[in-house]
Full PDB file with SEQRES, HELIX, SHEET, SSBOND, CRYST1, ORIGX, SCALE, CONECT and MASTER records, all heavy atoms in Angstrom:
SEQRES   1 A   43  GLY PRO ALA VAL SER THR PHE ILE GLN VAL LEU LYS LYS          
SEQRES   2 A   43  PHE LEU ILE VAL VAL VAL LEU LEU ALA LEU ALA ASP SER          
SEQRES   3 A   43  ILE THR GLY ARG LEU MET VAL HIS THR THR LEU ALA GLY          
SEQRES   4 A   43  ILE PHE HIS SER                                              
HELIX    1 AA1 PRO A    2  THR A   28  1                                  27    
HELIX    2 AA2 MET A   32  ILE A   40  1                                   9    
CRYST1    1.000    1.000    1.000  90.00  90.00  90.00 P 1           1          
ORIGX1      1.000000  0.000000  0.000000        0.00000                         
ORIGX2      0.000000  1.000000  0.000000        0.00000                         
ORIGX3      0.000000  0.000000  1.000000        0.00000                         
SCALE1      1.000000  0.000000  0.000000        0.00000                         
SCALE2      0.000000  1.000000  0.000000        0.00000                         
SCALE3      0.000000  0.000000  1.000000        0.00000                         
ATOM      1  N   GLY A   1       8.008  17.317 -18.292  1.00  0.00           N  
ATOM      2  CA  GLY A   1       7.156  17.219 -19.467  1.00  0.00           C  
ATOM      3  C   GLY A   1       6.528  15.842 -19.586  1.00  0.00           C  
ATOM      4  O   GLY A   1       6.028  15.282 -18.603  1.00  0.00           O  
ATOM      5  N   PRO A   2       6.547  15.225 -20.768  1.00  0.00           N  
ATOM      6  CA  PRO A   2       5.915  13.914 -20.970  1.00  0.00           C  
ATOM      7  C   PRO A   2       6.480  12.817 -20.075  1.00  0.00           C  
ATOM      8  O   PRO A   2       5.793  11.829 -19.809  1.00  0.00           O  
ATOM      9  CB  PRO A   2       6.192  13.623 -22.443  1.00  0.00           C  
ATOM     10  CG  PRO A   2       6.415  14.959 -23.075  1.00  0.00           C  
ATOM     11  CD  PRO A   2       7.065  15.800 -22.031  1.00  0.00           C  
ATOM     12  N   ALA A   3       7.716  12.973 -19.610  1.00  0.00           N  
ATOM     13  CA  ALA A   3       8.334  11.933 -18.777  1.00  0.00           C  
ATOM     14  C   ALA A   3       7.623  11.771 -17.443  1.00  0.00           C  
ATOM     15  O   ALA A   3       7.748  10.718 -16.801  1.00  0.00           O  
ATOM     16  CB  ALA A   3       9.815  12.265 -18.541  1.00  0.00           C  
ATOM     17  N   VAL A   4       6.856  12.783 -17.007  1.00  0.00           N  
ATOM     18  CA  VAL A   4       6.120  12.667 -15.745  1.00  0.00           C  
ATOM     19  C   VAL A   4       5.044  11.592 -15.856  1.00  0.00           C  
ATOM     20  O   VAL A   4       4.863  10.758 -14.969  1.00  0.00           O  
ATOM     21  CB  VAL A   4       5.497  14.021 -15.343  1.00  0.00           C  
ATOM     22  CG1 VAL A   4       4.667  13.874 -14.073  1.00  0.00           C  
ATOM     23  CG2 VAL A   4       6.587  15.070 -15.130  1.00  0.00           C  
ATOM     24  N   SER A   5       4.312  11.610 -16.959  1.00  0.00           N  
ATOM     25  CA  SER A   5       3.296  10.583 -17.171  1.00  0.00           C  
ATOM     26  C   SER A   5       3.931   9.206 -17.335  1.00  0.00           C  
ATOM     27  O   SER A   5       3.381   8.196 -16.873  1.00  0.00           O  
ATOM     28  CB  SER A   5       2.460  10.917 -18.409  1.00  0.00           C  
ATOM     29  OG  SER A   5       1.616  12.017 -18.151  1.00  0.00           O  
ATOM     30  N   THR A   6       5.081   9.151 -17.974  1.00  0.00           N  
ATOM     31  CA  THR A   6       5.796   7.877 -18.092  1.00  0.00           C  
ATOM     32  C   THR A   6       6.177   7.349 -16.719  1.00  0.00           C  
ATOM     33  O   THR A   6       6.070   6.147 -16.446  1.00  0.00           O  
ATOM     34  CB  THR A   6       7.065   8.059 -18.948  1.00  0.00           C  
ATOM     35  OG1 THR A   6       6.709   8.604 -20.218  1.00  0.00           O  
ATOM     36  CG2 THR A   6       7.780   6.743 -19.155  1.00  0.00           C  
ATOM     37  N   PHE A   7       6.616   8.235 -15.849  1.00  0.00           N  
ATOM     38  CA  PHE A   7       6.973   7.864 -14.476  1.00  0.00           C  
ATOM     39  C   PHE A   7       5.787   7.193 -13.782  1.00  0.00           C  
ATOM     40  O   PHE A   7       5.932   6.149 -13.134  1.00  0.00           O  
ATOM     41  CB  PHE A   7       7.414   9.104 -13.702  1.00  0.00           C  
ATOM     42  CG  PHE A   7       7.740   8.856 -12.257  1.00  0.00           C  
ATOM     43  CD1 PHE A   7       9.010   8.460 -11.882  1.00  0.00           C  
ATOM     44  CD2 PHE A   7       6.774   9.029 -11.277  1.00  0.00           C  
ATOM     45  CE1 PHE A   7       9.309   8.233 -10.542  1.00  0.00           C  
ATOM     46  CE2 PHE A   7       7.061   8.798  -9.946  1.00  0.00           C  
ATOM     47  CZ  PHE A   7       8.334   8.387  -9.567  1.00  0.00           C  
ATOM     48  N   ILE A   8       4.605   7.763 -13.919  1.00  0.00           N  
ATOM     49  CA  ILE A   8       3.424   7.199 -13.256  1.00  0.00           C  
ATOM     50  C   ILE A   8       3.042   5.861 -13.875  1.00  0.00           C  
ATOM     51  O   ILE A   8       2.658   4.918 -13.173  1.00  0.00           O  
ATOM     52  CB  ILE A   8       2.256   8.198 -13.325  1.00  0.00           C  
ATOM     53  CG1 ILE A   8       2.596   9.453 -12.507  1.00  0.00           C  
ATOM     54  CG2 ILE A   8       0.972   7.569 -12.792  1.00  0.00           C  
ATOM     55  CD1 ILE A   8       1.525  10.502 -12.497  1.00  0.00           C  
ATOM     56  N   GLN A   9       3.164   5.754 -15.202  1.00  0.00           N  
ATOM     57  CA  GLN A   9       2.845   4.485 -15.856  1.00  0.00           C  
ATOM     58  C   GLN A   9       3.783   3.375 -15.382  1.00  0.00           C  
ATOM     59  O   GLN A   9       3.348   2.238 -15.143  1.00  0.00           O  
ATOM     60  CB  GLN A   9       2.945   4.646 -17.382  1.00  0.00           C  
ATOM     61  CG  GLN A   9       1.901   5.555 -17.994  1.00  0.00           C  
ATOM     62  CD  GLN A   9       0.484   5.017 -17.857  1.00  0.00           C  
ATOM     63  OE1 GLN A   9       0.279   3.814 -17.703  1.00  0.00           O  
ATOM     64  NE2 GLN A   9      -0.490   5.900 -17.893  1.00  0.00           N  
ATOM     65  N   VAL A  10       5.049   3.668 -15.248  1.00  0.00           N  
ATOM     66  CA  VAL A  10       6.011   2.671 -14.755  1.00  0.00           C  
ATOM     67  C   VAL A  10       5.738   2.362 -13.285  1.00  0.00           C  
ATOM     68  O   VAL A  10       5.819   1.201 -12.851  1.00  0.00           O  
ATOM     69  CB  VAL A  10       7.453   3.170 -14.957  1.00  0.00           C  
ATOM     70  CG1 VAL A  10       8.462   2.215 -14.308  1.00  0.00           C  
ATOM     71  CG2 VAL A  10       7.764   3.325 -16.444  1.00  0.00           C  
ATOM     72  N   LEU A  11       5.410   3.391 -12.524  1.00  0.00           N  
ATOM     73  CA  LEU A  11       5.105   3.215 -11.103  1.00  0.00           C  
ATOM     74  C   LEU A  11       3.943   2.247 -10.913  1.00  0.00           C  
ATOM     75  O   LEU A  11       3.952   1.424  -9.984  1.00  0.00           O  
ATOM     76  CB  LEU A  11       4.775   4.572 -10.482  1.00  0.00           C  
ATOM     77  CG  LEU A  11       4.417   4.586  -8.988  1.00  0.00           C  
ATOM     78  CD1 LEU A  11       5.616   4.136  -8.153  1.00  0.00           C  
ATOM     79  CD2 LEU A  11       3.976   5.984  -8.559  1.00  0.00           C  
ATOM     80  N   LYS A  12       2.938   2.301 -11.784  1.00  0.00           N  
ATOM     81  CA  LYS A  12       1.788   1.396 -11.697  1.00  0.00           C  
ATOM     82  C   LYS A  12       2.214  -0.067 -11.843  1.00  0.00           C  
ATOM     83  O   LYS A  12       1.669  -0.957 -11.170  1.00  0.00           O  
ATOM     84  CB  LYS A  12       0.758   1.771 -12.764  1.00  0.00           C  
ATOM     85  CG  LYS A  12       0.033   3.070 -12.488  1.00  0.00           C  
ATOM     86  CD  LYS A  12      -0.606   3.668 -13.728  1.00  0.00           C  
ATOM     87  CE  LYS A  12      -1.727   2.847 -14.265  1.00  0.00           C  
ATOM     88  NZ  LYS A  12      -2.411   3.531 -15.395  1.00  0.00           N  
ATOM     89  N   LYS A  13       3.182  -0.340 -12.699  1.00  0.00           N  
ATOM     90  CA  LYS A  13       3.654  -1.713 -12.882  1.00  0.00           C  
ATOM     91  C   LYS A  13       4.328  -2.235 -11.619  1.00  0.00           C  
ATOM     92  O   LYS A  13       4.100  -3.386 -11.201  1.00  0.00           O  
ATOM     93  CB  LYS A  13       4.613  -1.781 -14.068  1.00  0.00           C  
ATOM     94  CG  LYS A  13       3.964  -1.398 -15.396  1.00  0.00           C  
ATOM     95  CD  LYS A  13       4.977  -1.399 -16.532  1.00  0.00           C  
ATOM     96  CE  LYS A  13       4.319  -0.962 -17.848  1.00  0.00           C  
ATOM     97  NZ  LYS A  13       5.289  -0.921 -18.971  1.00  0.00           N  
ATOM     98  N   PHE A  14       5.153  -1.404 -11.003  1.00  0.00           N  
ATOM     99  CA  PHE A  14       5.795  -1.811  -9.756  1.00  0.00           C  
ATOM    100  C   PHE A  14       4.755  -1.983  -8.643  1.00  0.00           C  
ATOM    101  O   PHE A  14       4.895  -2.868  -7.785  1.00  0.00           O  
ATOM    102  CB  PHE A  14       6.845  -0.779  -9.337  1.00  0.00           C  
ATOM    103  CG  PHE A  14       8.131  -0.866 -10.112  1.00  0.00           C  
ATOM    104  CD1 PHE A  14       8.386   0.003 -11.158  1.00  0.00           C  
ATOM    105  CD2 PHE A  14       9.084  -1.817  -9.799  1.00  0.00           C  
ATOM    106  CE1 PHE A  14       9.571  -0.070 -11.883  1.00  0.00           C  
ATOM    107  CE2 PHE A  14      10.275  -1.910 -10.509  1.00  0.00           C  
ATOM    108  CZ  PHE A  14      10.516  -1.038 -11.555  1.00  0.00           C  
ATOM    109  N   LEU A  15       3.735  -1.140  -8.645  1.00  0.00           N  
ATOM    110  CA  LEU A  15       2.679  -1.246  -7.638  1.00  0.00           C  
ATOM    111  C   LEU A  15       2.007  -2.613  -7.691  1.00  0.00           C  
ATOM    112  O   LEU A  15       1.784  -3.246  -6.645  1.00  0.00           O  
ATOM    113  CB  LEU A  15       1.640  -0.139  -7.860  1.00  0.00           C  
ATOM    114  CG  LEU A  15       0.364  -0.230  -7.021  1.00  0.00           C  
ATOM    115  CD1 LEU A  15       0.680   0.046  -5.551  1.00  0.00           C  
ATOM    116  CD2 LEU A  15      -0.686   0.757  -7.533  1.00  0.00           C  
ATOM    117  N   ILE A  16       1.670  -3.072  -8.887  1.00  0.00           N  
ATOM    118  CA  ILE A  16       1.028  -4.374  -9.039  1.00  0.00           C  
ATOM    119  C   ILE A  16       1.904  -5.475  -8.447  1.00  0.00           C  
ATOM    120  O   ILE A  16       1.434  -6.365  -7.722  1.00  0.00           O  
ATOM    121  CB  ILE A  16       0.742  -4.666 -10.531  1.00  0.00           C  
ATOM    122  CG1 ILE A  16      -0.383  -3.769 -11.043  1.00  0.00           C  
ATOM    123  CG2 ILE A  16       0.380  -6.126 -10.732  1.00  0.00           C  
ATOM    124  CD1 ILE A  16      -1.722  -4.060 -10.427  1.00  0.00           C  
ATOM    125  N   VAL A  17       3.197  -5.420  -8.729  1.00  0.00           N  
ATOM    126  CA  VAL A  17       4.113  -6.458  -8.244  1.00  0.00           C  
ATOM    127  C   VAL A  17       4.154  -6.479  -6.720  1.00  0.00           C  
ATOM    128  O   VAL A  17       4.021  -7.547  -6.090  1.00  0.00           O  
ATOM    129  CB  VAL A  17       5.527  -6.236  -8.823  1.00  0.00           C  
ATOM    130  CG1 VAL A  17       6.521  -7.216  -8.196  1.00  0.00           C  
ATOM    131  CG2 VAL A  17       5.522  -6.392 -10.331  1.00  0.00           C  
ATOM    132  N   VAL A  18       4.331  -5.313  -6.096  1.00  0.00           N  
ATOM    133  CA  VAL A  18       4.499  -5.295  -4.631  1.00  0.00           C  
ATOM    134  C   VAL A  18       3.200  -5.652  -3.911  1.00  0.00           C  
ATOM    135  O   VAL A  18       3.235  -6.283  -2.840  1.00  0.00           O  
ATOM    136  CB  VAL A  18       5.036  -3.927  -4.151  1.00  0.00           C  
ATOM    137  CG1 VAL A  18       6.420  -3.672  -4.724  1.00  0.00           C  
ATOM    138  CG2 VAL A  18       4.095  -2.785  -4.474  1.00  0.00           C  
ATOM    139  N   VAL A  19       2.052  -5.288  -4.461  1.00  0.00           N  
ATOM    140  CA  VAL A  19       0.782  -5.656  -3.816  1.00  0.00           C  
ATOM    141  C   VAL A  19       0.532  -7.159  -3.938  1.00  0.00           C  
ATOM    142  O   VAL A  19       0.056  -7.803  -2.997  1.00  0.00           O  
ATOM    143  CB  VAL A  19      -0.391  -4.839  -4.397  1.00  0.00           C  
ATOM    144  CG1 VAL A  19      -1.728  -5.353  -3.864  1.00  0.00           C  
ATOM    145  CG2 VAL A  19      -0.240  -3.361  -4.053  1.00  0.00           C  
ATOM    146  N   LEU A  20       0.868  -7.750  -5.087  1.00  0.00           N  
ATOM    147  CA  LEU A  20       0.736  -9.197  -5.242  1.00  0.00           C  
ATOM    148  C   LEU A  20       1.653  -9.938  -4.266  1.00  0.00           C  
ATOM    149  O   LEU A  20       1.261 -10.956  -3.671  1.00  0.00           O  
ATOM    150  CB  LEU A  20       1.059  -9.606  -6.682  1.00  0.00           C  
ATOM    151  CG  LEU A  20       0.005  -9.260  -7.740  1.00  0.00           C  
ATOM    152  CD1 LEU A  20       0.507  -9.626  -9.131  1.00  0.00           C  
ATOM    153  CD2 LEU A  20      -1.320  -9.973  -7.448  1.00  0.00           C  
ATOM    154  N   LEU A  21       2.866  -9.436  -4.082  1.00  0.00           N  
ATOM    155  CA  LEU A  21       3.777 -10.054  -3.120  1.00  0.00           C  
ATOM    156  C   LEU A  21       3.277  -9.872  -1.690  1.00  0.00           C  
ATOM    157  O   LEU A  21       3.486 -10.748  -0.839  1.00  0.00           O  
ATOM    158  CB  LEU A  21       5.179  -9.454  -3.278  1.00  0.00           C  
ATOM    159  CG  LEU A  21       5.912  -9.844  -4.571  1.00  0.00           C  
ATOM    160  CD1 LEU A  21       7.210  -9.064  -4.715  1.00  0.00           C  
ATOM    161  CD2 LEU A  21       6.189 -11.348  -4.601  1.00  0.00           C  
ATOM    162  N   ALA A  22       2.611  -8.747  -1.421  1.00  0.00           N  
ATOM    163  CA  ALA A  22       2.018  -8.543  -0.101  1.00  0.00           C  
ATOM    164  C   ALA A  22       0.886  -9.543   0.141  1.00  0.00           C  
ATOM    165  O   ALA A  22       0.724 -10.068   1.256  1.00  0.00           O  
ATOM    166  CB  ALA A  22       1.492  -7.119   0.021  1.00  0.00           C  
ATOM    167  N   LEU A  23       0.114  -9.811  -0.895  1.00  0.00           N  
ATOM    168  CA  LEU A  23      -0.927 -10.840  -0.781  1.00  0.00           C  
ATOM    169  C   LEU A  23      -0.310 -12.204  -0.486  1.00  0.00           C  
ATOM    170  O   LEU A  23      -0.866 -12.992   0.303  1.00  0.00           O  
ATOM    171  CB  LEU A  23      -1.741 -10.896  -2.073  1.00  0.00           C  
ATOM    172  CG  LEU A  23      -2.844  -9.854  -2.240  1.00  0.00           C  
ATOM    173  CD1 LEU A  23      -3.416  -9.912  -3.656  1.00  0.00           C  
ATOM    174  CD2 LEU A  23      -3.952 -10.056  -1.209  1.00  0.00           C  
ATOM    175  N   ALA A  24       0.824 -12.484  -1.102  1.00  0.00           N  
ATOM    176  CA  ALA A  24       1.527 -13.748  -0.835  1.00  0.00           C  
ATOM    177  C   ALA A  24       1.965 -13.807   0.627  1.00  0.00           C  
ATOM    178  O   ALA A  24       1.869 -14.856   1.279  1.00  0.00           O  
ATOM    179  CB  ALA A  24       2.729 -13.881  -1.766  1.00  0.00           C  
ATOM    180  N   ASP A  25       2.458 -12.689   1.152  1.00  0.00           N  
ATOM    181  CA  ASP A  25       2.807 -12.615   2.578  1.00  0.00           C  
ATOM    182  C   ASP A  25       1.605 -12.973   3.440  1.00  0.00           C  
ATOM    183  O   ASP A  25       1.691 -13.770   4.376  1.00  0.00           O  
ATOM    184  CB  ASP A  25       3.277 -11.207   2.946  1.00  0.00           C  
ATOM    185  CG  ASP A  25       4.692 -10.903   2.476  1.00  0.00           C  
ATOM    186  OD1 ASP A  25       5.356 -11.825   1.958  1.00  0.00           O  
ATOM    187  OD2 ASP A  25       5.121  -9.745   2.618  1.00  0.00           O  
ATOM    188  N   SER A  26       0.469 -12.347   3.124  1.00  0.00           N  
ATOM    189  CA  SER A  26      -0.733 -12.522   3.934  1.00  0.00           C  
ATOM    190  C   SER A  26      -1.265 -13.954   3.868  1.00  0.00           C  
ATOM    191  O   SER A  26      -1.675 -14.526   4.883  1.00  0.00           O  
ATOM    192  CB  SER A  26      -1.816 -11.534   3.467  1.00  0.00           C  
ATOM    193  OG  SER A  26      -2.971 -11.615   4.266  1.00  0.00           O  
ATOM    194  N   ILE A  27      -1.243 -14.545   2.682  1.00  0.00           N  
ATOM    195  CA  ILE A  27      -1.778 -15.900   2.502  1.00  0.00           C  
ATOM    196  C   ILE A  27      -0.904 -16.940   3.207  1.00  0.00           C  
ATOM    197  O   ILE A  27      -1.402 -17.872   3.859  1.00  0.00           O  
ATOM    198  CB  ILE A  27      -1.909 -16.236   0.998  1.00  0.00           C  
ATOM    199  CG1 ILE A  27      -2.999 -15.349   0.365  1.00  0.00           C  
ATOM    200  CG2 ILE A  27      -2.227 -17.703   0.787  1.00  0.00           C  
ATOM    201  CD1 ILE A  27      -3.053 -15.440  -1.147  1.00  0.00           C  
ATOM    202  N   THR A  28       0.408 -16.784   3.086  1.00  0.00           N  
ATOM    203  CA  THR A  28       1.330 -17.763   3.678  1.00  0.00           C  
ATOM    204  C   THR A  28       1.596 -17.515   5.160  1.00  0.00           C  
ATOM    205  O   THR A  28       2.081 -18.414   5.857  1.00  0.00           O  
ATOM    206  CB  THR A  28       2.670 -17.753   2.922  1.00  0.00           C  
ATOM    207  OG1 THR A  28       3.265 -16.439   3.020  1.00  0.00           O  
ATOM    208  CG2 THR A  28       2.457 -18.099   1.457  1.00  0.00           C  
ATOM    209  N   GLY A  29       1.323 -16.298   5.619  1.00  0.00           N  
ATOM    210  CA  GLY A  29       1.585 -15.983   7.016  1.00  0.00           C  
ATOM    211  C   GLY A  29       3.038 -15.737   7.331  1.00  0.00           C  
ATOM    212  O   GLY A  29       3.462 -15.776   8.492  1.00  0.00           O  
ATOM    213  N   ARG A  30       3.838 -15.482   6.313  1.00  0.00           N  
ATOM    214  CA  ARG A  30       5.253 -15.159   6.537  1.00  0.00           C  
ATOM    215  C   ARG A  30       5.730 -14.151   5.495  1.00  0.00           C  
ATOM    216  O   ARG A  30       5.104 -13.980   4.452  1.00  0.00           O  
ATOM    217  CB  ARG A  30       6.120 -16.421   6.488  1.00  0.00           C  
ATOM    218  CG  ARG A  30       6.130 -17.150   5.165  1.00  0.00           C  
ATOM    219  CD  ARG A  30       6.731 -18.535   5.296  1.00  0.00           C  
ATOM    220  NE  ARG A  30       6.904 -19.193   4.011  1.00  0.00           N  
ATOM    221  CZ  ARG A  30       8.045 -19.228   3.333  1.00  0.00           C  
ATOM    222  NH1 ARG A  30       9.121 -18.621   3.824  1.00  0.00           N  
ATOM    223  NH2 ARG A  30       8.131 -19.853   2.175  1.00  0.00           N  
ATOM    224  N   LEU A  31       6.823 -13.496   5.801  1.00  0.00           N  
ATOM    225  CA  LEU A  31       7.349 -12.454   4.919  1.00  0.00           C  
ATOM    226  C   LEU A  31       8.148 -13.125   3.803  1.00  0.00           C  
ATOM    227  O   LEU A  31       9.348 -13.380   3.935  1.00  0.00           O  
ATOM    228  CB  LEU A  31       8.210 -11.475   5.713  1.00  0.00           C  
ATOM    229  CG  LEU A  31       7.493 -10.785   6.890  1.00  0.00           C  
ATOM    230  CD1 LEU A  31       8.459  -9.925   7.688  1.00  0.00           C  
ATOM    231  CD2 LEU A  31       6.323  -9.949   6.390  1.00  0.00           C  
ATOM    232  N   MET A  32       7.483 -13.388   2.701  1.00  0.00           N  
ATOM    233  CA  MET A  32       8.053 -14.190   1.621  1.00  0.00           C  
ATOM    234  C   MET A  32       9.329 -13.595   1.051  1.00  0.00           C  
ATOM    235  O   MET A  32      10.355 -14.266   0.926  1.00  0.00           O  
ATOM    236  CB  MET A  32       7.011 -14.350   0.511  1.00  0.00           C  
ATOM    237  CG  MET A  32       5.785 -15.136   0.915  1.00  0.00           C  
ATOM    238  SD  MET A  32       6.120 -16.903   0.982  1.00  0.00           S  
ATOM    239  CE  MET A  32       6.397 -17.267  -0.744  1.00  0.00           C  
ATOM    240  N   VAL A  33       9.283 -12.325   0.655  1.00  0.00           N  
ATOM    241  CA  VAL A  33      10.442 -11.682   0.023  1.00  0.00           C  
ATOM    242  C   VAL A  33      11.611 -11.625   0.991  1.00  0.00           C  
ATOM    243  O   VAL A  33      12.762 -11.948   0.629  1.00  0.00           O  
ATOM    244  CB  VAL A  33      10.069 -10.273  -0.472  1.00  0.00           C  
ATOM    245  CG1 VAL A  33      11.304  -9.553  -1.005  1.00  0.00           C  
ATOM    246  CG2 VAL A  33       8.988 -10.347  -1.539  1.00  0.00           C  
ATOM    247  N   HIS A  34      11.349 -11.242   2.231  1.00  0.00           N  
ATOM    248  CA  HIS A  34      12.415 -11.137   3.219  1.00  0.00           C  
ATOM    249  C   HIS A  34      13.051 -12.496   3.482  1.00  0.00           C  
ATOM    250  O   HIS A  34      14.283 -12.613   3.567  1.00  0.00           O  
ATOM    251  CB  HIS A  34      11.848 -10.553   4.517  1.00  0.00           C  
ATOM    252  CG  HIS A  34      11.598  -9.096   4.457  1.00  0.00           C  
ATOM    253  ND1 HIS A  34      12.178  -8.187   5.318  1.00  0.00           N  
ATOM    254  CD2 HIS A  34      10.822  -8.355   3.618  1.00  0.00           C  
ATOM    255  CE1 HIS A  34      11.769  -6.962   5.025  1.00  0.00           C  
ATOM    256  NE2 HIS A  34      10.946  -7.043   3.993  1.00  0.00           N  
ATOM    257  N   THR A  35      12.218 -13.534   3.622  1.00  0.00           N  
ATOM    258  CA  THR A  35      12.739 -14.875   3.882  1.00  0.00           C  
ATOM    259  C   THR A  35      13.578 -15.376   2.710  1.00  0.00           C  
ATOM    260  O   THR A  35      14.661 -15.952   2.902  1.00  0.00           O  
ATOM    261  CB  THR A  35      11.579 -15.844   4.143  1.00  0.00           C  
ATOM    262  OG1 THR A  35      10.787 -15.364   5.230  1.00  0.00           O  
ATOM    263  CG2 THR A  35      12.102 -17.229   4.468  1.00  0.00           C  
ATOM    264  N   THR A  36      13.080 -15.148   1.504  1.00  0.00           N  
ATOM    265  CA  THR A  36      13.793 -15.611   0.310  1.00  0.00           C  
ATOM    266  C   THR A  36      15.133 -14.912   0.146  1.00  0.00           C  
ATOM    267  O   THR A  36      16.171 -15.549  -0.104  1.00  0.00           O  
ATOM    268  CB  THR A  36      12.928 -15.381  -0.942  1.00  0.00           C  
ATOM    269  OG1 THR A  36      11.677 -16.060  -0.789  1.00  0.00           O  
ATOM    270  CG2 THR A  36      13.630 -15.892  -2.181  1.00  0.00           C  
ATOM    271  N   LEU A  37      15.135 -13.588   0.260  1.00  0.00           N  
ATOM    272  CA  LEU A  37      16.373 -12.827   0.083  1.00  0.00           C  
ATOM    273  C   LEU A  37      17.376 -13.128   1.188  1.00  0.00           C  
ATOM    274  O   LEU A  37      18.593 -13.184   0.937  1.00  0.00           O  
ATOM    275  CB  LEU A  37      16.069 -11.333   0.037  1.00  0.00           C  
ATOM    276  CG  LEU A  37      15.330 -10.831  -1.216  1.00  0.00           C  
ATOM    277  CD1 LEU A  37      15.009  -9.349  -1.095  1.00  0.00           C  
ATOM    278  CD2 LEU A  37      16.167 -11.087  -2.474  1.00  0.00           C  
ATOM    279  N   ALA A  38      16.893 -13.326   2.409  1.00  0.00           N  
ATOM    280  CA  ALA A  38      17.802 -13.673   3.503  1.00  0.00           C  
ATOM    281  C   ALA A  38      18.478 -15.014   3.232  1.00  0.00           C  
ATOM    282  O   ALA A  38      19.669 -15.197   3.532  1.00  0.00           O  
ATOM    283  CB  ALA A  38      17.030 -13.709   4.821  1.00  0.00           C  
ATOM    284  N   GLY A  39      17.723 -15.955   2.619  1.00  0.00           N  
ATOM    285  CA  GLY A  39      18.323 -17.239   2.268  1.00  0.00           C  
ATOM    286  C   GLY A  39      19.338 -17.112   1.146  1.00  0.00           C  
ATOM    287  O   GLY A  39      20.391 -17.755   1.177  1.00  0.00           O  
ATOM    288  N   ILE A  40      19.036 -16.268   0.153  1.00  0.00           N  
ATOM    289  CA  ILE A  40      19.948 -16.092  -0.977  1.00  0.00           C  
ATOM    290  C   ILE A  40      21.262 -15.463  -0.533  1.00  0.00           C  
ATOM    291  O   ILE A  40      22.351 -15.880  -0.948  1.00  0.00           O  
ATOM    292  CB  ILE A  40      19.279 -15.238  -2.075  1.00  0.00           C  
ATOM    293  CG1 ILE A  40      18.101 -16.011  -2.699  1.00  0.00           C  
ATOM    294  CG2 ILE A  40      20.296 -14.847  -3.147  1.00  0.00           C  
ATOM    295  CD1 ILE A  40      17.294 -15.184  -3.677  1.00  0.00           C  
ATOM    296  N   PHE A  41      21.167 -14.439   0.329  1.00  0.00           N  
ATOM    297  CA  PHE A  41      22.368 -13.698   0.740  1.00  0.00           C  
ATOM    298  C   PHE A  41      22.944 -14.207   2.056  1.00  0.00           C  
ATOM    299  O   PHE A  41      23.865 -13.601   2.602  1.00  0.00           O  
ATOM    300  CB  PHE A  41      22.034 -12.210   0.862  1.00  0.00           C  
ATOM    301  CG  PHE A  41      21.756 -11.546  -0.464  1.00  0.00           C  
ATOM    302  CD1 PHE A  41      20.452 -11.378  -0.916  1.00  0.00           C  
ATOM    303  CD2 PHE A  41      22.793 -11.118  -1.268  1.00  0.00           C  
ATOM    304  CE1 PHE A  41      20.190 -10.773  -2.131  1.00  0.00           C  
ATOM    305  CE2 PHE A  41      22.545 -10.508  -2.485  1.00  0.00           C  
ATOM    306  CZ  PHE A  41      21.231 -10.350  -2.932  1.00  0.00           C  
ATOM    307  N   HIS A  42      22.375 -15.328   2.585  1.00  0.00           N  
ATOM    308  CA  HIS A  42      22.877 -15.946   3.811  1.00  0.00           C  
ATOM    309  C   HIS A  42      22.985 -14.933   4.954  1.00  0.00           C  
ATOM    310  O   HIS A  42      24.000 -14.838   5.655  1.00  0.00           O  
ATOM    311  CB  HIS A  42      24.250 -16.600   3.565  1.00  0.00           C  
ATOM    312  CG  HIS A  42      24.254 -17.572   2.436  1.00  0.00           C  
ATOM    313  ND1 HIS A  42      23.641 -18.814   2.504  1.00  0.00           N  
ATOM    314  CD2 HIS A  42      24.777 -17.485   1.171  1.00  0.00           C  
ATOM    315  CE1 HIS A  42      23.805 -19.456   1.359  1.00  0.00           C  
ATOM    316  NE2 HIS A  42      24.471 -18.680   0.527  1.00  0.00           N  
ATOM    317  N   SER A  43      21.926 -14.166   5.119  1.00  0.00           N  
ATOM    318  CA  SER A  43      21.887 -13.154   6.174  1.00  0.00           C  
ATOM    319  C   SER A  43      20.705 -13.424   7.101  1.00  0.00           C  
ATOM    320  O   SER A  43      19.791 -14.189   6.761  1.00  0.00           O  
ATOM    321  CB  SER A  43      21.769 -11.756   5.568  1.00  0.00           C  
ATOM    322  OG  SER A  43      20.560 -11.637   4.822  1.00  0.00           O  
TER     323      SER A  43                                                      
MASTER        0    0    0    2    0    0    0    6  322    1    0    4          
END                                                                             
């Protein structure tokens, strides 16, 4: 029911975040999220 539209609205917010982070990857020439998380978790 109405929760389907809510799902898409929330999905749009996550989309903006991941595309902006992808732009950061492209601008810096490195995988920003992967590098950061690997440093945090020492992996």
